Amino acid sequence: MQFFGLNGVRALSLISLILVFTSTILLMVNNIKAVNHFEANKGLDNSTAPDCDYIECVVSWLHA
């Protein structure tokens, strides 16, 4: 299978590497937003927020 050749494989490798780094950066940004939101509203009586102690609840609440 010499459809791509070595340069094609290198190009696919670089594209996949860029996609992995991009998704990792986006995931870190979402996690930082969730932690900041959790810390900012820790002491507030927010009746719309779910009753939980875990960051995962805040992340699911932000995406709702």
PDB file of N, CA and C in Angstrom:
ATOM      1  N   MET A   1       0.847  -1.191   0.000  1.00  0.00           N
ATOM      2  CA  MET A   1       0.000   0.000   0.000  1.00  0.00           C
ATOM      3  C   MET A   1       0.880   1.238   0.000  1.00  0.00           C
ATOM      4  N   GLN A   2       1.185   1.691  -1.179  1.00  0.00           N
ATOM      5  CA  GLN A   2       2.026   2.877  -1.300  1.00  0.00           C
ATOM      6  C   GLN A   2       1.220   4.074  -1.763  1.00  0.00           C
ATOM      7  N   PHE A   3       0.014   4.133  -1.268  1.00  0.00           N
ATOM      8  CA  PHE A   3      -0.859   5.248  -1.628  1.00  0.00           C
ATOM      9  C   PHE A   3      -0.336   6.553  -1.056  1.00  0.00           C
ATOM     10  N   PHE A   4       0.062   6.514   0.208  1.00  0.00           N
ATOM     11  CA  PHE A   4       0.531   7.731   0.870  1.00  0.00           C
ATOM     12  C   PHE A   4       2.029   7.931   0.695  1.00  0.00           C
ATOM     13  N   GLY A   5       2.776   6.913   0.859  1.00  0.00           N
ATOM     14  CA  GLY A   5       4.224   7.073   0.878  1.00  0.00           C
ATOM     15  C   GLY A   5       4.639   7.613   2.233  1.00  0.00           C
ATOM     16  N   LEU A   6       5.903   7.813   2.374  1.00  0.00           N
ATOM     17  CA  LEU A   6       6.430   8.257   3.660  1.00  0.00           C
ATOM     18  C   LEU A   6       5.992   9.682   3.998  1.00  0.00           C
ATOM     19  N   ASN A   7       5.939  10.561   3.020  1.00  0.00           N
ATOM     20  CA  ASN A   7       5.523  11.943   3.287  1.00  0.00           C
ATOM     21  C   ASN A   7       4.050  12.012   3.675  1.00  0.00           C
ATOM     22  N   GLY A   8       3.223  11.167   3.087  1.00  0.00           N
ATOM     23  CA  GLY A   8       1.815  11.127   3.462  1.00  0.00           C
ATOM     24  C   GLY A   8       1.617  10.657   4.885  1.00  0.00           C
ATOM     25  N   VAL A   9       2.392   9.654   5.280  1.00  0.00           N
ATOM     26  CA  VAL A   9       2.314   9.158   6.658  1.00  0.00           C
ATOM     27  C   VAL A   9       2.779  10.242   7.625  1.00  0.00           C
ATOM     28  N   ARG A  10       3.811  10.959   7.261  1.00  0.00           N
ATOM     29  CA  ARG A  10       4.293  12.064   8.108  1.00  0.00           C
ATOM     30  C   ARG A  10       3.233  13.158   8.233  1.00  0.00           C
ATOM     31  N   ALA A  11       2.570  13.468   7.129  1.00  0.00           N
ATOM     32  CA  ALA A  11       1.530  14.501   7.170  1.00  0.00           C
ATOM     33  C   ALA A  11       0.369  14.064   8.056  1.00  0.00           C
ATOM     34  N   LEU A  12      -0.076  12.818   7.918  1.00  0.00           N
ATOM     35  CA  LEU A  12      -1.148  12.317   8.783  1.00  0.00           C
ATOM     36  C   LEU A  12      -0.724  12.311  10.243  1.00  0.00           C
ATOM     37  N   SER A  13       0.523  11.984  10.489  1.00  0.00           N
ATOM     38  CA  SER A  13       1.040  11.978  11.857  1.00  0.00           C
ATOM     39  C   SER A  13       1.025  13.388  12.446  1.00  0.00           C
ATOM     40  N   LEU A  14       1.451  14.368  11.679  1.00  0.00           N
ATOM     41  CA  LEU A  14       1.440  15.748  12.163  1.00  0.00           C
ATOM     42  C   LEU A  14       0.020  16.257  12.393  1.00  0.00           C
ATOM     43  N   ILE A  15      -0.893  15.916  11.500  1.00  0.00           N
ATOM     44  CA  ILE A  15      -2.289  16.339  11.668  1.00  0.00           C
ATOM     45  C   ILE A  15      -2.891  15.723  12.925  1.00  0.00           C
ATOM     46  N   SER A  16      -2.635  14.427  13.130  1.00  0.00           N
ATOM     47  CA  SER A  16      -3.179  13.784  14.327  1.00  0.00           C
ATOM     48  C   SER A  16      -2.550  14.349  15.594  1.00  0.00           C
ATOM     49  N   LEU A  17      -1.266  14.677  15.551  1.00  0.00           N
ATOM     50  CA  LEU A  17      -0.599  15.277  16.707  1.00  0.00           C
ATOM     51  C   LEU A  17      -1.188  16.644  17.040  1.00  0.00           C
ATOM     52  N   ILE A  18      -1.461  17.440  16.025  1.00  0.00           N
ATOM     53  CA  ILE A  18      -2.073  18.759  16.242  1.00  0.00           C
ATOM     54  C   ILE A  18      -3.470  18.610  16.830  1.00  0.00           C
ATOM     55  N   LEU A  19      -4.242  17.644  16.334  1.00  0.00           N
ATOM     56  CA  LEU A  19      -5.583  17.418  16.874  1.00  0.00           C
ATOM     57  C   LEU A  19      -5.556  16.973  18.332  1.00  0.00           C
ATOM     58  N   VAL A  20      -4.607  16.127  18.680  1.00  0.00           N
ATOM     59  CA  VAL A  20      -4.497  15.674  20.075  1.00  0.00           C
ATOM     60  C   VAL A  20      -4.135  16.838  20.984  1.00  0.00           C
ATOM     61  N   PHE A  21      -3.161  17.650  20.592  1.00  0.00           N
ATOM     62  CA  PHE A  21      -2.781  18.796  21.418  1.00  0.00           C
ATOM     63  C   PHE A  21      -3.921  19.802  21.536  1.00  0.00           C
ATOM     64  N   THR A  22      -4.657  20.023  20.452  1.00  0.00           N
ATOM     65  CA  THR A  22      -5.767  20.960  20.489  1.00  0.00           C
ATOM     66  C   THR A  22      -6.860  20.483  21.420  1.00  0.00           C
ATOM     67  N   SER A  23      -7.200  19.206  21.343  1.00  0.00           N
ATOM     68  CA  SER A  23      -8.251  18.686  22.227  1.00  0.00           C
ATOM     69  C   SER A  23      -7.806  18.710  23.682  1.00  0.00           C
ATOM     70  N   THR A  24      -6.521  18.475  23.936  1.00  0.00           N
ATOM     71  CA  THR A  24      -6.013  18.532  25.304  1.00  0.00           C
ATOM     72  C   THR A  24      -6.095  19.946  25.859  1.00  0.00           C
ATOM     73  N   ILE A  25      -5.744  20.930  25.052  1.00  0.00           N
ATOM     74  CA  ILE A  25      -5.807  22.327  25.493  1.00  0.00           C
ATOM     75  C   ILE A  25      -7.251  22.732  25.756  1.00  0.00           C
ATOM     76  N   LEU A  26      -8.173  22.341  24.878  1.00  0.00           N
ATOM     77  CA  LEU A  26      -9.590  22.672  25.090  1.00  0.00           C
ATOM     78  C   LEU A  26     -10.136  22.012  26.348  1.00  0.00           C
ATOM     79  N   LEU A  27      -9.719  20.777  26.612  1.00  0.00           N
ATOM     80  CA  LEU A  27     -10.151  20.087  27.816  1.00  0.00           C
ATOM     81  C   LEU A  27      -9.623  20.786  29.072  1.00  0.00           C
ATOM     82  N   MET A  28      -8.375  21.234  29.040  1.00  0.00           N
ATOM     83  CA  MET A  28      -7.819  21.944  30.187  1.00  0.00           C
ATOM     84  C   MET A  28      -8.541  23.268  30.416  1.00  0.00           C
ATOM     85  N   VAL A  29      -8.893  23.965  29.349  1.00  0.00           N
ATOM     86  CA  VAL A  29      -9.616  25.232  29.479  1.00  0.00           C
ATOM     87  C   VAL A  29     -10.983  25.000  30.116  1.00  0.00           C
ATOM     88  N   ASN A  30     -11.700  23.960  29.673  1.00  0.00           N
ATOM     89  CA  ASN A  30     -13.006  23.648  30.267  1.00  0.00           C
ATOM     90  C   ASN A  30     -12.875  23.259  31.730  1.00  0.00           C
ATOM     91  N   ASN A  31     -11.839  22.504  32.076  1.00  0.00           N
ATOM     92  CA  ASN A  31     -11.636  22.127  33.471  1.00  0.00           C
ATOM     93  C   ASN A  31     -11.312  23.333  34.340  1.00  0.00           C
ATOM     94  N   ILE A  32     -10.513  24.245  33.826  1.00  0.00           N
ATOM     95  CA  ILE A  32     -10.168  25.451  34.584  1.00  0.00           C
ATOM     96  C   ILE A  32     -11.411  26.302  34.799  1.00  0.00           C
ATOM     97  N   LYS A  33     -12.261  26.423  33.760  1.00  0.00           N
ATOM     98  CA  LYS A  33     -13.506  27.181  33.913  1.00  0.00           C
ATOM     99  C   LYS A  33     -14.407  26.540  34.963  1.00  0.00           C
ATOM    100  N   ALA A  34     -14.484  25.217  34.957  1.00  0.00           N
ATOM    101  CA  ALA A  34     -15.333  24.521  35.928  1.00  0.00           C
ATOM    102  C   ALA A  34     -14.816  24.710  37.347  1.00  0.00           C
ATOM    103  N   VAL A  35     -13.510  24.614  37.537  1.00  0.00           N
ATOM    104  CA  VAL A  35     -12.937  24.799  38.881  1.00  0.00           C
ATOM    105  C   VAL A  35     -13.129  26.232  39.341  1.00  0.00           C
ATOM    106  N   ASN A  36     -12.912  27.201  38.464  1.00  0.00           N
ATOM    107  CA  ASN A  36     -13.115  28.603  38.838  1.00  0.00           C
ATOM    108  C   ASN A  36     -14.571  28.871  39.200  1.00  0.00           C
ATOM    109  N   HIS A  37     -15.488  28.296  38.441  1.00  0.00           N
ATOM    110  CA  HIS A  37     -16.907  28.468  38.735  1.00  0.00           C
ATOM    111  C   HIS A  37     -17.261  27.817  40.072  1.00  0.00           C
ATOM    112  N   PHE A  38     -16.704  26.645  40.310  1.00  0.00           N
ATOM    113  CA  PHE A  38     -16.949  25.938  41.569  1.00  0.00           C
ATOM    114  C   PHE A  38     -16.418  26.734  42.758  1.00  0.00           C
ATOM    115  N   GLU A  39     -15.206  27.255  42.627  1.00  0.00           N
ATOM    116  CA  GLU A  39     -14.610  28.026  43.719  1.00  0.00           C
ATOM    117  C   GLU A  39     -15.340  29.344  43.937  1.00  0.00           C
ATOM    118  N   ALA A  40     -15.801  29.982  42.870  1.00  0.00           N
ATOM    119  CA  ALA A  40     -16.482  31.271  43.010  1.00  0.00           C
ATOM    120  C   ALA A  40     -17.843  31.120  43.676  1.00  0.00           C
ATOM    121  N   ASN A  41     -18.520  29.998  43.459  1.00  0.00           N
ATOM    122  CA  ASN A  41     -19.867  29.803  43.994  1.00  0.00           C
ATOM    123  C   ASN A  41     -19.909  28.835  45.160  1.00  0.00           C
ATOM    124  N   LYS A  42     -18.791  28.622  45.804  1.00  0.00           N
ATOM    125  CA  LYS A  42     -18.732  27.643  46.884  1.00  0.00           C
ATOM    126  C   LYS A  42     -19.599  28.049  48.070  1.00  0.00           C
ATOM    127  N   GLY A  43     -19.593  29.301  48.433  1.00  0.00           N
ATOM    128  CA  GLY A  43     -20.325  29.730  49.610  1.00  0.00           C
ATOM    129  C   GLY A  43     -21.710  30.272  49.323  1.00  0.00           C
ATOM    130  N   LEU A  44     -22.098  30.355  48.074  1.00  0.00           N
ATOM    131  CA  LEU A  44     -23.380  30.943  47.716  1.00  0.00           C
ATOM    132  C   LEU A  44     -24.504  29.921  47.816  1.00  0.00           C
ATOM    133  N   ASP A  45     -25.688  30.411  48.090  1.00  0.00           N
ATOM    134  CA  ASP A  45     -26.862  29.549  48.101  1.00  0.00           C
ATOM    135  C   ASP A  45     -27.492  29.616  46.713  1.00  0.00           C
ATOM    136  N   ASN A  46     -27.087  28.727  45.858  1.00  0.00           N
ATOM    137  CA  ASN A  46     -27.566  28.716  44.482  1.00  0.00           C
ATOM    138  C   ASN A  46     -28.539  27.559  44.327  1.00  0.00           C
ATOM    139  N   SER A  47     -29.819  27.855  44.233  1.00  0.00           N
ATOM    140  CA  SER A  47     -30.825  26.803  44.199  1.00  0.00           C
ATOM    141  C   SER A  47     -30.874  26.088  42.850  1.00  0.00           C
ATOM    142  N   THR A  48     -30.294  26.678  41.803  1.00  0.00           N
ATOM    143  CA  THR A  48     -30.321  26.015  40.498  1.00  0.00           C
ATOM    144  C   THR A  48     -29.185  25.019  40.335  1.00  0.00           C
ATOM    145  N   ALA A  49     -28.167  25.090  41.181  1.00  0.00           N
ATOM    146  CA  ALA A  49     -27.039  24.174  41.085  1.00  0.00           C
ATOM    147  C   ALA A  49     -27.400  22.840  41.735  1.00  0.00           C
ATOM    148  N   PRO A  50     -26.863  21.744  41.220  1.00  0.00           N
ATOM    149  CA  PRO A  50     -27.128  20.447  41.845  1.00  0.00           C
ATOM    150  C   PRO A  50     -26.448  20.341  43.202  1.00  0.00           C
ATOM    151  N   ASP A  51     -26.985  19.512  44.057  1.00  0.00           N
ATOM    152  CA  ASP A  51     -26.425  19.319  45.389  1.00  0.00           C
ATOM    153  C   ASP A  51     -25.340  18.256  45.320  1.00  0.00           C
ATOM    154  N   CYS A  52     -24.090  18.685  45.160  1.00  0.00           N
ATOM    155  CA  CYS A  52     -22.990  17.733  45.060  1.00  0.00           C
ATOM    156  C   CYS A  52     -21.712  18.391  45.562  1.00  0.00           C
ATOM    157  N   ASP A  53     -20.725  17.546  45.870  1.00  0.00           N
ATOM    158  CA  ASP A  53     -19.440  18.030  46.349  1.00  0.00           C
ATOM    159  C   ASP A  53     -18.332  17.837  45.332  1.00  0.00           C
ATOM    160  N   TYR A  54     -18.646  17.350  44.161  1.00  0.00           N
ATOM    161  CA  TYR A  54     -17.628  17.002  43.182  1.00  0.00           C
ATOM    162  C   TYR A  54     -17.640  17.981  42.015  1.00  0.00           C
ATOM    163  N   ILE A  55     -16.447  18.190  41.458  1.00  0.00           N
ATOM    164  CA  ILE A  55     -16.286  19.088  40.325  1.00  0.00           C
ATOM    165  C   ILE A  55     -17.055  18.566  39.108  1.00  0.00           C
ATOM    166  N   GLU A  56     -17.189  17.241  38.975  1.00  0.00           N
ATOM    167  CA  GLU A  56     -17.878  16.679  37.835  1.00  0.00           C
ATOM    168  C   GLU A  56     -19.327  17.186  37.762  1.00  0.00           C
ATOM    169  N   CYS A  57     -19.950  17.391  38.913  1.00  0.00           N
ATOM    170  CA  CYS A  57     -21.316  17.914  38.925  1.00  0.00           C
ATOM    171  C   CYS A  57     -21.341  19.329  38.367  1.00  0.00           C
ATOM    172  N   VAL A  58     -20.343  20.116  38.693  1.00  0.00           N
ATOM    173  CA  VAL A  58     -20.287  21.482  38.201  1.00  0.00           C
ATOM    174  C   VAL A  58     -20.045  21.479  36.694  1.00  0.00           C
ATOM    175  N   VAL A  59     -19.197  20.576  36.220  1.00  0.00           N
ATOM    176  CA  VAL A  59     -18.930  20.498  34.790  1.00  0.00           C
ATOM    177  C   VAL A  59     -20.201  20.126  34.039  1.00  0.00           C
ATOM    178  N   SER A  60     -20.951  19.157  34.556  1.00  0.00           N
ATOM    179  CA  SER A  60     -22.201  18.772  33.897  1.00  0.00           C
ATOM    180  C   SER A  60     -23.224  19.894  33.985  1.00  0.00           C
ATOM    181  N   TRP A  61     -23.198  20.646  35.055  1.00  0.00           N
ATOM    182  CA  TRP A  61     -24.124  21.760  35.212  1.00  0.00           C
ATOM    183  C   TRP A  61     -23.787  22.885  34.235  1.00  0.00           C
ATOM    184  N   LEU A  62     -22.484  23.103  33.956  1.00  0.00           N
ATOM    185  CA  LEU A  62     -22.078  24.154  33.017  1.00  0.00           C
ATOM    186  C   LEU A  62     -22.477  23.803  31.589  1.00  0.00           C
ATOM    187  N   HIS A  63     -22.479  22.534  31.256  1.00  0.00           N
ATOM    188  CA  HIS A  63     -22.815  22.125  29.891  1.00  0.00           C
ATOM    189  C   HIS A  63     -24.310  21.952  29.676  1.00  0.00           C
ATOM    190  N   ALA A  64     -25.097  22.101  30.717  1.00  0.00           N
ATOM    191  CA  ALA A  64     -26.555  21.919  30.583  1.00  0.00           C
ATOM    192  C   ALA A  64     -27.204  23.130  29.950  1.00  0.00           C
TER     193      ALA A  64
END
